[in-house]
Amino acid sequence: QAQFVESGGGSVQTGGSLRLSCVGYRSTYSEDEVCMAWFRQAPGKEREGVAAIYTDSRSAYYADSVKGRFTISRDDAKNTVYLEMNSLRPEDTGLYYCAAARFCGGDWYRVDRSFYRYNYWGQGTQVTVSS
């Protein structure tokens, strides 16, 4: 079931920017460190990892397709994780979800990983980029 509330999606033209927000990660795991990630899913495609960040460290991870354009960050005081998206492209179109796992690791981008699964998800926010 959805545990977070995502917002910030919308429709933009190529080259535009959006900032997504995900509120509520402190309601997930009791430990201090939680891996928060953004995934996206385009129609007819599998859900893919976009970016991830630990909540109590500065380690961040990005898919190659978004490096240099997207920035993930979090504000502990606001219980919020952000995804700043710049230089958007039509291929960035999709439903964007935030998710929480106990650990990031090298396979953070996989929805179906065997260990440290993403057990908490939001309902998604739509991003549409037109050419």
C-alpha atoms as a PDB file:
ATOM      1  CA  GLN A   1       0.000   0.000   0.000  1.00  0.00           C
ATOM      2  CA  ALA A   2       1.107   3.577  -0.610  1.00  0.00           C
ATOM      3  CA  GLN A   3       3.130   5.023   2.210  1.00  0.00           C
ATOM      4  CA  PHE A   4       4.210   8.322   0.743  1.00  0.00           C
ATOM      5  CA  VAL A   5       2.662  11.279  -1.001  1.00  0.00           C
ATOM      6  CA  GLU A   6       4.366  12.344  -4.215  1.00  0.00           C
ATOM      7  CA  SER A   7       3.742  15.648  -5.971  1.00  0.00           C
ATOM      8  CA  GLY A   8       5.306  17.981  -8.487  1.00  0.00           C
ATOM      9  CA  GLY A   9       4.598  16.150 -11.701  1.00  0.00           C
ATOM     10  CA  GLY A  10       3.206  17.884 -14.750  1.00  0.00           C
ATOM     11  CA  SER A  11       3.572  18.527 -18.448  1.00  0.00           C
ATOM     12  CA  VAL A  12       6.574  20.383 -19.825  1.00  0.00           C
ATOM     13  CA  GLN A  13       8.335  20.821 -23.123  1.00  0.00           C
ATOM     14  CA  THR A  14      11.733  19.404 -23.963  1.00  0.00           C
ATOM     15  CA  GLY A  15      14.409  21.222 -22.007  1.00  0.00           C
ATOM     16  CA  GLY A  16      12.050  22.138 -19.193  1.00  0.00           C
ATOM     17  CA  SER A  17      12.371  21.429 -15.475  1.00  0.00           C
ATOM     18  CA  LEU A  18      10.284  19.921 -12.709  1.00  0.00           C
ATOM     19  CA  ARG A  19      10.856  19.183  -9.031  1.00  0.00           C
ATOM     20  CA  LEU A  20       9.197  16.143  -7.539  1.00  0.00           C
ATOM     21  CA  SER A  21       8.560  15.776  -3.808  1.00  0.00           C
ATOM     22  CA  CYS A  22       7.961  12.697  -1.711  1.00  0.00           C
ATOM     23  CA  VAL A  23       6.721  13.181   1.847  1.00  0.00           C
ATOM     24  CA  GLY A  24       6.681  10.647   4.619  1.00  0.00           C
ATOM     25  CA  TYR A  25       9.827   8.526   4.569  1.00  0.00           C
ATOM     26  CA  ARG A  26      10.229   8.692   8.347  1.00  0.00           C
ATOM     27  CA  SER A  27       7.143   6.530   8.710  1.00  0.00           C
ATOM     28  CA  THR A  28       8.935   3.565   7.169  1.00  0.00           C
ATOM     29  CA  TYR A  29      11.904   2.020   8.964  1.00  0.00           C
ATOM     30  CA  SER A  30      12.805   2.614  12.562  1.00  0.00           C
ATOM     31  CA  GLU A  31      16.524   2.739  11.875  1.00  0.00           C
ATOM     32  CA  ASP A  32      18.141   6.057  11.124  1.00  0.00           C
ATOM     33  CA  GLU A  33      19.368   5.088   7.696  1.00  0.00           C
ATOM     34  CA  VAL A  34      16.813   4.505   4.984  1.00  0.00           C
ATOM     35  CA  CYS A  35      17.419   4.269   1.260  1.00  0.00           C
ATOM     36  CA  MET A  36      14.947   6.443  -0.631  1.00  0.00           C
ATOM     37  CA  ALA A  37      14.674   6.008  -4.377  1.00  0.00           C
ATOM     38  CA  TRP A  38      12.773   7.368  -7.320  1.00  0.00           C
ATOM     39  CA  PHE A  39      11.548   4.960  -9.975  1.00  0.00           C
ATOM     40  CA  ARG A  40       9.651   5.642 -13.164  1.00  0.00           C
ATOM     41  CA  GLN A  41       7.496   3.611 -15.476  1.00  0.00           C
ATOM     42  CA  ALA A  42       6.563   4.483 -19.030  1.00  0.00           C
ATOM     43  CA  PRO A  43       3.588   2.828 -20.759  1.00  0.00           C
ATOM     44  CA  GLY A  44       4.508  -0.670 -21.884  1.00  0.00           C
ATOM     45  CA  LYS A  45       7.867  -0.598 -20.131  1.00  0.00           C
ATOM     46  CA  GLU A  46       9.228  -1.978 -16.890  1.00  0.00           C
ATOM     47  CA  ARG A  47       9.681   0.173 -13.842  1.00  0.00           C
ATOM     48  CA  GLU A  48      13.239   1.476 -13.688  1.00  0.00           C
ATOM     49  CA  GLY A  49      15.361   3.113 -11.038  1.00  0.00           C
ATOM     50  CA  VAL A  50      16.146   6.784 -11.597  1.00  0.00           C
ATOM     51  CA  ALA A  51      17.992   7.899  -8.447  1.00  0.00           C
ATOM     52  CA  ALA A  52      18.485   6.910  -4.814  1.00  0.00           C
ATOM     53  CA  ILE A  53      19.849   8.465  -1.636  1.00  0.00           C
ATOM     54  CA  TYR A  54      20.453   7.451   1.956  1.00  0.00           C
ATOM     55  CA  THR A  55      18.579   9.530   4.491  1.00  0.00           C
ATOM     56  CA  ASP A  56      21.449   9.886   6.944  1.00  0.00           C
ATOM     57  CA  SER A  57      24.380  10.116   4.567  1.00  0.00           C
ATOM     58  CA  ARG A  58      25.263  11.967   1.435  1.00  0.00           C
ATOM     59  CA  SER A  59      25.542   8.917  -0.844  1.00  0.00           C
ATOM     60  CA  ALA A  60      23.494   9.334  -3.996  1.00  0.00           C
ATOM     61  CA  TYR A  61      23.041   7.090  -6.991  1.00  0.00           C
ATOM     62  CA  TYR A  62      21.807   7.844 -10.501  1.00  0.00           C
ATOM     63  CA  ALA A  63      20.847   5.958 -13.610  1.00  0.00           C
ATOM     64  CA  ASP A  64      23.214   6.725 -16.472  1.00  0.00           C
ATOM     65  CA  SER A  65      20.353   8.213 -18.481  1.00  0.00           C
ATOM     66  CA  VAL A  66      19.782  11.006 -15.943  1.00  0.00           C
ATOM     67  CA  LYS A  67      23.285  11.768 -14.669  1.00  0.00           C
ATOM     68  CA  GLY A  68      24.071  15.449 -14.919  1.00  0.00           C
ATOM     69  CA  ARG A  69      20.396  16.341 -15.383  1.00  0.00           C
ATOM     70  CA  PHE A  70      18.631  15.042 -12.254  1.00  0.00           C
ATOM     71  CA  THR A  71      19.513  15.658  -8.610  1.00  0.00           C
ATOM     72  CA  ILE A  72      18.106  13.745  -5.661  1.00  0.00           C
ATOM     73  CA  SER A  73      18.134  15.336  -2.218  1.00  0.00           C
ATOM     74  CA  ARG A  74      16.310  15.126   1.086  1.00  0.00           C
ATOM     75  CA  ASP A  75      15.232  17.428   3.881  1.00  0.00           C
ATOM     76  CA  ASP A  76      14.998  15.537   7.159  1.00  0.00           C
ATOM     77  CA  ALA A  77      13.209  18.363   8.920  1.00  0.00           C
ATOM     78  CA  LYS A  78      10.463  18.239   6.306  1.00  0.00           C
ATOM     79  CA  ASN A  79      10.443  14.449   6.026  1.00  0.00           C
ATOM     80  CA  THR A  80      10.753  14.946   2.275  1.00  0.00           C
ATOM     81  CA  VAL A  81      12.856  13.605  -0.566  1.00  0.00           C
ATOM     82  CA  TYR A  82      13.150  15.628  -3.772  1.00  0.00           C
ATOM     83  CA  LEU A  83      14.030  14.910  -7.378  1.00  0.00           C
ATOM     84  CA  GLU A  84      15.115  17.986  -9.292  1.00  0.00           C
ATOM     85  CA  MET A  85      14.804  17.281 -13.010  1.00  0.00           C
ATOM     86  CA  ASN A  86      16.393  19.583 -15.584  1.00  0.00           C
ATOM     87  CA  SER A  87      16.883  19.397 -19.349  1.00  0.00           C
ATOM     88  CA  LEU A  88      13.924  17.063 -19.582  1.00  0.00           C
ATOM     89  CA  ARG A  89      13.522  14.877 -22.642  1.00  0.00           C
ATOM     90  CA  PRO A  90      10.500  13.050 -24.094  1.00  0.00           C
ATOM     91  CA  GLU A  91      12.047   9.746 -22.961  1.00  0.00           C
ATOM     92  CA  ASP A  92      11.756  10.972 -19.350  1.00  0.00           C
ATOM     93  CA  THR A  93       7.976  10.708 -19.633  1.00  0.00           C
ATOM     94  CA  GLY A  94       6.397   8.300 -17.170  1.00  0.00           C
ATOM     95  CA  LEU A  95       4.781   7.765 -13.815  1.00  0.00           C
ATOM     96  CA  TYR A  96       7.338   8.559 -11.113  1.00  0.00           C
ATOM     97  CA  TYR A  97       7.244   6.717  -7.799  1.00  0.00           C
ATOM     98  CA  CYS A  98       9.244   7.111  -4.637  1.00  0.00           C
ATOM     99  CA  ALA A  99      10.106   4.032  -2.612  1.00  0.00           C
ATOM    100  CA  ALA A 100      11.959   3.069   0.580  1.00  0.00           C
ATOM    101  CA  ALA A 101      14.304   0.205   1.352  1.00  0.00           C
ATOM    102  CA  ARG A 102      16.584  -0.557   4.262  1.00  0.00           C
ATOM    103  CA  PHE A 103      19.707  -0.362   2.092  1.00  0.00           C
ATOM    104  CA  CYS A 104      20.713   1.053  -1.279  1.00  0.00           C
ATOM    105  CA  GLY A 105      23.737  -0.886  -2.545  1.00  0.00           C
ATOM    106  CA  GLY A 106      24.896  -1.598  -6.058  1.00  0.00           C
ATOM    107  CA  ASP A 107      21.525  -2.916  -7.222  1.00  0.00           C
ATOM    108  CA  TRP A 108      19.481  -0.011  -5.871  1.00  0.00           C
ATOM    109  CA  TYR A 109      17.852   0.459  -9.302  1.00  0.00           C
ATOM    110  CA  ARG A 110      16.201  -2.970  -9.341  1.00  0.00           C
ATOM    111  CA  VAL A 111      12.592  -3.329  -8.257  1.00  0.00           C
ATOM    112  CA  ASP A 112      12.911  -7.119  -8.078  1.00  0.00           C
ATOM    113  CA  ARG A 113      16.089  -7.482  -6.048  1.00  0.00           C
ATOM    114  CA  SER A 114      16.130 -10.331  -3.547  1.00  0.00           C
ATOM    115  CA  PHE A 115      17.554  -8.494  -0.548  1.00  0.00           C
ATOM    116  CA  TYR A 116      16.607  -5.115   0.920  1.00  0.00           C
ATOM    117  CA  ARG A 117      13.475  -4.945  -1.138  1.00  0.00           C
ATOM    118  CA  TYR A 118      11.561  -1.720  -1.585  1.00  0.00           C
ATOM    119  CA  ASN A 119       8.678  -2.383   0.797  1.00  0.00           C
ATOM    120  CA  TYR A 120       7.153   1.080   0.803  1.00  0.00           C
ATOM    121  CA  TRP A 121       5.867   2.928  -2.240  1.00  0.00           C
ATOM    122  CA  GLY A 122       3.981   6.059  -3.135  1.00  0.00           C
ATOM    123  CA  GLN A 123       1.058   6.303  -5.535  1.00  0.00           C
ATOM    124  CA  GLY A 124       3.096   7.989  -8.279  1.00  0.00           C
ATOM    125  CA  THR A 125       3.074  11.356 -10.001  1.00  0.00           C
ATOM    126  CA  GLN A 126       2.884  11.754 -13.777  1.00  0.00           C
ATOM    127  CA  VAL A 127       5.621  13.502 -15.749  1.00  0.00           C
ATOM    128  CA  THR A 128       4.998  14.231 -19.426  1.00  0.00           C
ATOM    129  CA  VAL A 129       7.637  15.796 -21.645  1.00  0.00           C
ATOM    130  CA  SER A 130       6.597  16.871 -25.125  1.00  0.00           C
ATOM    131  CA  SER A 131       8.899  17.569 -28.044  1.00  0.00           C
END
